[in-house]
Amino acid sequence: MTGDYLALMACVNCKRGFTACPECVNTIRIDPETGYPPDAVLVDGKARHNPNPDPEAVKRSAPQPVCDTCVMQRNEALYSGSPEGAHIGAVTTLAAERHKKGHV
């Protein structure tokens, strides 16, 4: 029965443990060599969008779970137009909401 269980995960952003449905959890691709998304570069210690990511970094990147708290913070940064939100491409629906809609 898929979607009927929760898994304990560690958020790739804040490193805190959380539970989520493995099918519904938000993920971002992380390059294991850098620990960052392949389309991010650090400028003065802050992540900024790189419109031309290294194809090798994209290829070796893998999806990693992100907790709903971090997703909400990223969405707020995007909505507010702050520089921290400049590299965020889209608002993400919370995993809890996707789970409710997808597993009723």
C-alpha atoms as a PDB file:
ATOM      1  CA  MET A   1       0.000   0.000   0.000  1.00  0.00           C
ATOM      2  CA  THR A   2       1.863   3.048  -1.171  1.00  0.00           C
ATOM      3  CA  GLY A   3       1.326   6.379   0.521  1.00  0.00           C
ATOM      4  CA  ASP A   4       0.079   4.843   3.763  1.00  0.00           C
ATOM      5  CA  TYR A   5       3.258   5.264   5.775  1.00  0.00           C
ATOM      6  CA  LEU A   6       5.637   7.952   6.966  1.00  0.00           C
ATOM      7  CA  ALA A   7       9.411   7.770   6.999  1.00  0.00           C
ATOM      8  CA  LEU A   8      11.906   9.502   9.273  1.00  0.00           C
ATOM      9  CA  MET A   9      14.126  11.778   7.188  1.00  0.00           C
ATOM     10  CA  ALA A  10      16.798  14.429   7.720  1.00  0.00           C
ATOM     11  CA  CYS A  11      16.231  17.774   6.014  1.00  0.00           C
ATOM     12  CA  VAL A  12      19.079  18.562   3.632  1.00  0.00           C
ATOM     13  CA  ASN A  13      18.753  22.264   4.497  1.00  0.00           C
ATOM     14  CA  CYS A  14      18.317  22.510   8.304  1.00  0.00           C
ATOM     15  CA  LYS A  15      19.540  18.965   9.138  1.00  0.00           C
ATOM     16  CA  ARG A  16      16.615  18.391  11.537  1.00  0.00           C
ATOM     17  CA  GLY A  17      14.733  15.123  11.540  1.00  0.00           C
ATOM     18  CA  PHE A  18      11.143  15.055  10.315  1.00  0.00           C
ATOM     19  CA  THR A  19       8.570  12.576   9.116  1.00  0.00           C
ATOM     20  CA  ALA A  20       6.910  12.601   5.719  1.00  0.00           C
ATOM     21  CA  CYS A  21       5.449  10.308   3.133  1.00  0.00           C
ATOM     22  CA  PRO A  22       8.332   9.277   0.836  1.00  0.00           C
ATOM     23  CA  GLU A  23       6.069   9.816  -2.185  1.00  0.00           C
ATOM     24  CA  CYS A  24       5.049  13.343  -1.164  1.00  0.00           C
ATOM     25  CA  VAL A  25       8.138  14.866   0.448  1.00  0.00           C
ATOM     26  CA  ASN A  26       9.710  17.902  -1.215  1.00  0.00           C
ATOM     27  CA  THR A  27      13.180  17.327  -2.569  1.00  0.00           C
ATOM     28  CA  ILE A  28      15.966  19.364  -4.078  1.00  0.00           C
ATOM     29  CA  ARG A  29      18.817  17.975  -6.115  1.00  0.00           C
ATOM     30  CA  ILE A  30      22.166  18.192  -4.315  1.00  0.00           C
ATOM     31  CA  ASP A  31      25.617  17.702  -5.811  1.00  0.00           C
ATOM     32  CA  PRO A  32      27.409  15.358  -3.368  1.00  0.00           C
ATOM     33  CA  GLU A  33      30.782  16.931  -4.202  1.00  0.00           C
ATOM     34  CA  THR A  34      29.756  20.455  -3.170  1.00  0.00           C
ATOM     35  CA  GLY A  35      26.778  19.853  -0.887  1.00  0.00           C
ATOM     36  CA  TYR A  36      24.767  22.456  -2.846  1.00  0.00           C
ATOM     37  CA  PRO A  37      22.244  22.330  -5.663  1.00  0.00           C
ATOM     38  CA  PRO A  38      24.044  22.201  -9.005  1.00  0.00           C
ATOM     39  CA  ASP A  39      22.392  25.488 -10.069  1.00  0.00           C
ATOM     40  CA  ALA A  40      23.586  27.408  -6.987  1.00  0.00           C
ATOM     41  CA  VAL A  41      26.818  29.293  -6.452  1.00  0.00           C
ATOM     42  CA  LEU A  42      27.996  30.937  -3.252  1.00  0.00           C
ATOM     43  CA  VAL A  43      28.473  34.709  -3.368  1.00  0.00           C
ATOM     44  CA  ASP A  44      29.604  36.260  -0.089  1.00  0.00           C
ATOM     45  CA  GLY A  45      28.413  33.135   1.711  1.00  0.00           C
ATOM     46  CA  LYS A  46      24.897  33.270   0.213  1.00  0.00           C
ATOM     47  CA  ALA A  47      23.466  30.935  -2.407  1.00  0.00           C
ATOM     48  CA  ARG A  48      22.709  32.595  -5.727  1.00  0.00           C
ATOM     49  CA  HIS A  49      21.231  31.130  -8.886  1.00  0.00           C
ATOM     50  CA  ASN A  50      23.658  29.956 -11.559  1.00  0.00           C
ATOM     51  CA  PRO A  51      21.807  29.969 -14.899  1.00  0.00           C
ATOM     52  CA  ASN A  52      24.484  27.719 -16.443  1.00  0.00           C
ATOM     53  CA  PRO A  53      25.146  24.871 -14.009  1.00  0.00           C
ATOM     54  CA  ASP A  54      27.974  22.449 -14.678  1.00  0.00           C
ATOM     55  CA  PRO A  55      26.454  19.490 -16.596  1.00  0.00           C
ATOM     56  CA  GLU A  56      28.582  17.053 -14.583  1.00  0.00           C
ATOM     57  CA  ALA A  57      27.255  18.513 -11.311  1.00  0.00           C
ATOM     58  CA  VAL A  58      23.702  18.145 -12.624  1.00  0.00           C
ATOM     59  CA  LYS A  59      24.398  14.540 -13.634  1.00  0.00           C
ATOM     60  CA  ARG A  60      25.822  13.494 -10.258  1.00  0.00           C
ATOM     61  CA  SER A  61      23.231  15.386  -8.191  1.00  0.00           C
ATOM     62  CA  ALA A  62      20.536  13.407  -6.402  1.00  0.00           C
ATOM     63  CA  PRO A  63      17.192  14.348  -4.831  1.00  0.00           C
ATOM     64  CA  GLN A  64      17.374  15.005  -1.087  1.00  0.00           C
ATOM     65  CA  PRO A  65      14.410  15.608   1.271  1.00  0.00           C
ATOM     66  CA  VAL A  66      13.461  19.082   2.510  1.00  0.00           C
ATOM     67  CA  CYS A  67      11.145  19.614   5.494  1.00  0.00           C
ATOM     68  CA  ASP A  68       7.964  21.691   5.218  1.00  0.00           C
ATOM     69  CA  THR A  69       9.397  24.325   7.592  1.00  0.00           C
ATOM     70  CA  CYS A  70      12.292  25.005   5.199  1.00  0.00           C
ATOM     71  CA  VAL A  71       9.909  24.973   2.217  1.00  0.00           C
ATOM     72  CA  MET A  72       7.770  27.621   3.943  1.00  0.00           C
ATOM     73  CA  GLN A  73      10.871  29.768   4.568  1.00  0.00           C
ATOM     74  CA  ARG A  74      11.913  29.444   0.903  1.00  0.00           C
ATOM     75  CA  ASN A  75       8.408  30.347  -0.259  1.00  0.00           C
ATOM     76  CA  GLU A  76       8.381  33.417   2.013  1.00  0.00           C
ATOM     77  CA  ALA A  77      11.751  34.529   0.616  1.00  0.00           C
ATOM     78  CA  LEU A  78      10.409  34.174  -2.912  1.00  0.00           C
ATOM     79  CA  TYR A  79       7.149  36.031  -2.151  1.00  0.00           C
ATOM     80  CA  SER A  80       8.946  38.893  -0.382  1.00  0.00           C
ATOM     81  CA  GLY A  81      11.393  39.459  -3.255  1.00  0.00           C
ATOM     82  CA  SER A  82      14.372  39.274  -0.893  1.00  0.00           C
ATOM     83  CA  PRO A  83      17.823  38.547  -2.354  1.00  0.00           C
ATOM     84  CA  GLU A  84      17.818  35.194  -0.535  1.00  0.00           C
ATOM     85  CA  GLY A  85      14.885  34.188  -2.719  1.00  0.00           C
ATOM     86  CA  ALA A  86      16.505  35.190  -5.999  1.00  0.00           C
ATOM     87  CA  HIS A  87      17.631  31.650  -6.857  1.00  0.00           C
ATOM     88  CA  ILE A  88      14.271  30.052  -6.020  1.00  0.00           C
ATOM     89  CA  GLY A  89      12.445  29.109  -9.174  1.00  0.00           C
ATOM     90  CA  ALA A  90       8.927  28.406  -7.943  1.00  0.00           C
ATOM     91  CA  VAL A  91       6.730  28.176  -4.906  1.00  0.00           C
ATOM     92  CA  THR A  92       6.491  24.635  -3.633  1.00  0.00           C
ATOM     93  CA  THR A  93       3.396  23.044  -2.152  1.00  0.00           C
ATOM     94  CA  LEU A  94       4.000  21.610   1.300  1.00  0.00           C
ATOM     95  CA  ALA A  95       4.398  17.844   1.460  1.00  0.00           C
ATOM     96  CA  ALA A  96       1.609  17.610   4.032  1.00  0.00           C
ATOM     97  CA  GLU A  97      -0.818  19.276   1.600  1.00  0.00           C
ATOM     98  CA  ARG A  98       0.268  17.094  -1.331  1.00  0.00           C
ATOM     99  CA  HIS A  99      -0.182  14.035   0.862  1.00  0.00           C
ATOM    100  CA  LYS A 100      -3.729  15.019   1.815  1.00  0.00           C
ATOM    101  CA  LYS A 101      -4.675  15.543  -1.854  1.00  0.00           C
ATOM    102  CA  GLY A 102      -2.876  12.488  -3.220  1.00  0.00           C
ATOM    103  CA  HIS A 103      -3.811   9.864  -0.667  1.00  0.00           C
ATOM    104  CA  VAL A 104      -7.490  10.391   0.105  1.00  0.00           C
END
